[in-house]
C-alpha cells in the first residue's frame, strides 16, 4: 500500500512498547468494550447480518493499556469511554455518535472520551450517511468512514500522526487516507487484518480513480 495508512498485524501492546513517549499527536481508538458483542447476529444498513464468532470482546482492556496509550500519544479519542471510566480521568469533552438504531434494544448512541478541553460534539448518523455505510460490513462493530473524517476534521491538525490500536474494519485508515493524515494501526486478528487491508486498498484505488 502506497497510501499514508500503515496497518500492522500485531498486538498493540507490543507495538506501543517500542515507541518513545508522545510518538503520536493523536490516538483515535476503538478497543473492545468487554460486552461480548463479537460474533453475534446484528443489524446494519443491509439488515440482519451474521458474523463469524470470535472472542475479542470477552474482556475490556486493563489499566496497562490505557496508561500505555496515554504515554505514546499527546491526545486521545477513545470510543466506548463510558465503559472505561475507572481507567480515565474526568473530561468535559466527549464525542457522541448518534445512531438511531433499528431496534430499541441497541444503544441509540456511542460515546468517545476525549482528552481535549472542549465542548461535547455530536455526529448525527441520519444527516451524515455516506460511503462509510455502503457495502457489506466486515466487522460487527464497524464504524463509518465519515465518522472518522468528522473526528479528524474537528480534533486533528494538519501534519499530525494518528495511532489506532484496534483498526478492525479499517474505517479510520480510509479516513486518514482521504484527509491526508499519516496513520499507524494495529490489528491482532488475522481475518480482520486481511479484510481491512483489502478494504483500505480498494478505497484508496477508488479515491485515485475518482478524486
Protein backbone atom coordinates (compact mmCIF):
# COMPACT_ATOMS: atom_id res chain seq x y z
CA UNK A 1 0.00 0.00 0.00
CA UNK A 2 1.38 3.38 -1.03
CA UNK A 3 -1.06 5.48 0.93
CA UNK A 4 -0.32 7.05 4.30
CA UNK A 5 -2.08 4.43 6.42
CA UNK A 6 0.12 1.60 7.68
CA UNK A 7 -1.63 -1.38 9.27
CA UNK A 8 0.38 -3.82 11.38
CA UNK A 9 -0.73 -7.38 12.11
CA UNK A 10 0.32 -7.47 15.74
CA UNK A 11 -0.69 -6.90 19.35
CA UNK A 12 -0.96 -3.17 20.01
CA UNK A 13 0.74 -3.52 23.40
CA UNK A 14 3.81 -5.00 21.72
CA UNK A 15 3.85 -2.15 19.22
CA UNK A 16 3.38 0.61 21.79
CA UNK A 17 6.20 -0.85 23.89
CA UNK A 18 8.58 0.03 21.02
CA UNK A 19 7.52 3.69 20.94
CA UNK A 20 9.02 6.69 22.71
CA UNK A 21 6.82 8.96 24.80
CA UNK A 22 4.37 11.08 22.76
CA UNK A 23 5.28 9.39 19.49
CA UNK A 24 1.86 10.30 18.05
CA UNK A 25 0.00 13.57 18.32
CA UNK A 26 -3.41 11.87 18.42
CA UNK A 27 -4.73 8.38 19.11
CA UNK A 28 -8.23 7.54 17.85
CA UNK A 29 -9.05 4.08 19.16
CA UNK A 30 -12.00 1.69 19.39
CA UNK A 31 -10.95 -1.05 21.84
CA UNK A 32 -13.23 -3.94 22.88
CA UNK A 33 -15.93 -2.82 25.31
CA UNK A 34 -15.99 -6.22 27.02
CA UNK A 35 -19.72 -6.76 26.42
CA UNK A 36 -19.49 -9.97 24.38
CA UNK A 37 -20.77 -8.42 21.17
CA UNK A 38 -18.41 -10.22 18.77
CA UNK A 39 -19.84 -12.93 16.56
CA UNK A 40 -23.46 -12.04 17.15
CA UNK A 41 -26.16 -11.58 14.58
CA UNK A 42 -26.83 -7.88 14.41
CA UNK A 43 -28.36 -5.20 12.21
CA UNK A 44 -26.64 -2.81 9.85
CA UNK A 45 -27.76 -0.90 6.77
CA UNK A 46 -28.12 -4.22 4.92
CA UNK A 47 -30.47 -5.67 7.54
CA UNK A 48 -29.60 -8.69 9.67
CA UNK A 49 -26.05 -9.96 9.34
CA UNK A 50 -24.24 -12.87 10.99
CA UNK A 51 -20.53 -12.63 11.76
CA UNK A 52 -18.02 -15.40 12.43
CA UNK A 53 -17.96 -16.00 16.21
CA UNK A 54 -14.77 -14.74 17.83
CA UNK A 55 -13.70 -13.91 21.37
CA UNK A 56 -12.13 -10.47 21.03
CA UNK A 57 -14.93 -8.77 23.02
CA UNK A 58 -14.86 -11.05 26.07
CA UNK A 59 -13.00 -8.51 28.20
CA UNK A 60 -12.18 -4.81 28.12
CA UNK A 61 -8.55 -3.62 28.15
CA UNK A 62 -6.97 -3.21 31.57
CA UNK A 63 -5.31 -0.15 33.09
CA UNK A 64 -1.97 -1.02 31.48
CA UNK A 65 -3.43 -0.45 28.00
CA UNK A 66 -4.80 2.99 28.82
CA UNK A 67 -1.61 4.03 30.61
CA UNK A 68 0.47 3.00 27.62
CA UNK A 69 -1.91 4.69 25.17
CA UNK A 70 -1.67 7.96 27.05
CA UNK A 71 2.12 7.60 27.23
CA UNK A 72 2.64 7.24 23.47
CA UNK A 73 0.12 9.88 22.34
CA UNK A 74 -0.37 13.53 23.21
CA UNK A 75 -4.16 13.37 22.93
CA UNK A 76 -6.67 10.56 22.76
CA UNK A 77 -10.19 9.86 21.48
CA UNK A 78 -11.40 6.58 22.97
CA UNK A 79 -14.63 5.00 21.75
CA UNK A 80 -16.61 3.31 24.49
CA UNK A 81 -15.14 5.65 27.06
CA UNK A 82 -18.24 5.23 29.22
CA UNK A 83 -17.14 1.58 29.76
CA UNK A 84 -13.64 2.59 30.86
CA UNK A 85 -14.27 5.39 33.35
CA UNK A 86 -12.25 3.63 36.06
CA UNK A 87 -9.15 3.98 33.87
CA UNK A 88 -9.70 7.51 32.51
CA UNK A 89 -9.60 10.92 34.18
CA UNK A 90 -12.71 13.13 34.13
CA UNK A 91 -13.20 15.06 30.90
CA UNK A 92 -15.80 17.57 29.76
CA UNK A 93 -15.07 16.70 26.12
CA UNK A 94 -16.97 13.76 24.65
CA UNK A 95 -17.75 12.90 21.03
CA UNK A 96 -21.19 11.36 20.56
CA UNK A 97 -22.14 9.17 17.60
CA UNK A 98 -25.95 9.41 17.38
CA UNK A 99 -27.00 6.24 15.56
CA UNK A 100 -30.81 5.89 15.86
CA UNK A 101 -30.67 2.07 15.76
CA UNK A 102 -33.16 -0.23 14.10
CA UNK A 103 -34.44 -1.61 17.40
CA UNK A 104 -34.60 -0.14 20.87
CA UNK A 105 -32.60 -2.98 22.46
CA UNK A 106 -29.47 -1.43 20.96
CA UNK A 107 -27.81 1.76 22.14
CA UNK A 108 -29.02 4.86 20.35
CA UNK A 109 -25.56 6.38 20.55
CA UNK A 110 -21.91 5.59 21.26
CA UNK A 111 -19.65 7.80 23.33
CA UNK A 112 -15.98 8.59 22.85
CA UNK A 113 -13.93 10.01 25.72
CA UNK A 114 -11.69 12.85 24.54
CA UNK A 115 -8.64 14.29 26.25
CA UNK A 116 -9.29 17.78 24.88
CA UNK A 117 -10.61 20.70 26.91
CA UNK A 118 -13.54 21.33 24.60
CA UNK A 119 -17.31 21.07 24.42
CA UNK A 120 -19.31 17.93 23.68
CA UNK A 121 -19.88 17.39 19.95
CA UNK A 122 -22.44 15.14 18.23
CA UNK A 123 -22.16 13.30 14.91
CA UNK A 124 -25.68 12.62 13.60
CA UNK A 125 -25.84 9.43 11.55
CA UNK A 126 -29.07 10.41 9.81
CA UNK A 127 -27.58 13.59 8.33
CA UNK A 128 -24.19 12.07 7.53
CA UNK A 129 -24.96 8.89 5.58
CA UNK A 130 -22.22 8.21 3.04
CA UNK A 131 -19.93 5.57 1.61
CA UNK A 132 -18.93 4.60 5.14
CA UNK A 133 -22.17 2.66 5.29
CA UNK A 134 -22.06 1.30 1.74
CA UNK A 135 -21.29 -2.35 1.06
CA UNK A 136 -21.29 -5.32 3.42
CA UNK A 137 -19.70 -4.68 6.80
CA UNK A 138 -16.63 -6.80 7.51
CA UNK A 139 -16.74 -6.30 11.29
CA UNK A 140 -19.66 -6.48 13.76
CA UNK A 141 -18.80 -3.10 15.29
CA UNK A 142 -17.73 -1.37 12.07
CA UNK A 143 -17.97 2.41 12.19
CA UNK A 144 -18.46 4.62 9.12
CA UNK A 145 -15.59 6.34 7.35
CA UNK A 146 -17.49 9.61 7.58
CA UNK A 147 -17.47 9.38 11.38
CA UNK A 148 -13.67 9.19 11.44
CA UNK A 149 -13.39 12.02 8.91
CA UNK A 150 -15.57 14.09 11.25
CA UNK A 151 -13.30 13.31 14.20
CA UNK A 152 -10.18 14.21 12.22
CA UNK A 153 -11.74 17.45 10.96
CA UNK A 154 -12.74 18.50 14.48
CA UNK A 155 -9.81 17.30 16.59
CA UNK A 156 -6.72 16.71 14.43
CA UNK A 157 -4.41 19.29 12.93
CA UNK A 158 -2.69 19.03 9.52
CA UNK A 159 0.57 17.10 9.67
CA UNK A 160 -0.26 15.18 12.83
CA UNK A 161 0.37 11.43 13.07
CA UNK A 162 -2.57 9.27 14.09
CA UNK A 163 -2.50 6.00 16.05
CA UNK A 164 -5.28 3.39 16.04
CA UNK A 165 -4.62 0.39 18.29
CA UNK A 166 -7.61 -1.67 17.10
CA UNK A 167 -8.22 -0.99 13.40
CA UNK A 168 -10.94 -3.62 12.94
CA UNK A 169 -12.63 -2.84 9.63
CA UNK A 170 -10.10 -0.15 8.65
CA UNK A 171 -12.51 2.81 8.58
CA UNK A 172 -10.05 5.02 10.46
CA UNK A 173 -7.31 4.26 7.94
CA UNK A 174 -9.55 5.09 4.99
CA UNK A 175 -10.49 8.40 6.62
CA UNK A 176 -6.84 9.23 7.25
CA UNK A 177 -6.00 8.50 3.61
CA UNK A 178 -8.91 10.63 2.42
CA UNK A 179 -7.80 13.61 4.51
CA UNK A 180 -4.04 13.17 4.10
CA UNK A 181 -3.06 12.09 7.62
CA UNK A 182 -0.20 9.69 8.30
CA UNK A 183 -1.53 6.85 10.41
CA UNK A 184 -0.34 3.60 12.00
CA UNK A 185 -2.82 0.98 13.11
CA UNK A 186 -2.66 -2.42 14.77
CA UNK A 187 -4.97 -5.40 14.25
CA UNK A 188 -4.24 -8.65 16.05
CA UNK A 189 -6.89 -10.82 14.35
CA UNK A 190 -5.64 -12.31 11.08
CA UNK A 191 -9.06 -12.36 9.39
CA UNK A 192 -9.89 -8.76 10.23
CA UNK A 193 -6.38 -7.68 9.31
CA UNK A 194 -6.59 -9.22 5.82
CA UNK A 195 -10.12 -7.97 5.20
CA UNK A 196 -9.28 -4.45 6.35
CA UNK A 197 -6.14 -4.24 4.21
CA UNK A 198 -8.22 -5.25 1.17
CA UNK A 199 -10.91 -2.70 2.04
CA UNK A 200 -8.38 0.08 2.60
CA UNK A 201 -6.57 -0.71 -0.65
CA UNK A 202 -9.81 -0.78 -2.65
CA UNK A 203 -10.92 2.53 -1.14
CA UNK A 204 -7.57 4.09 -1.98
CA UNK A 205 -7.80 2.88 -5.59
CA UNK A 206 -11.27 4.36 -5.93
CA UNK A 207 -10.04 7.63 -4.49
CA UNK A 208 -7.23 7.74 -7.06
CA UNK A 209 -9.66 6.91 -9.88
CA UNK A 210 -12.33 9.38 -8.80
CA UNK A 211 -10.60 12.18 -6.88
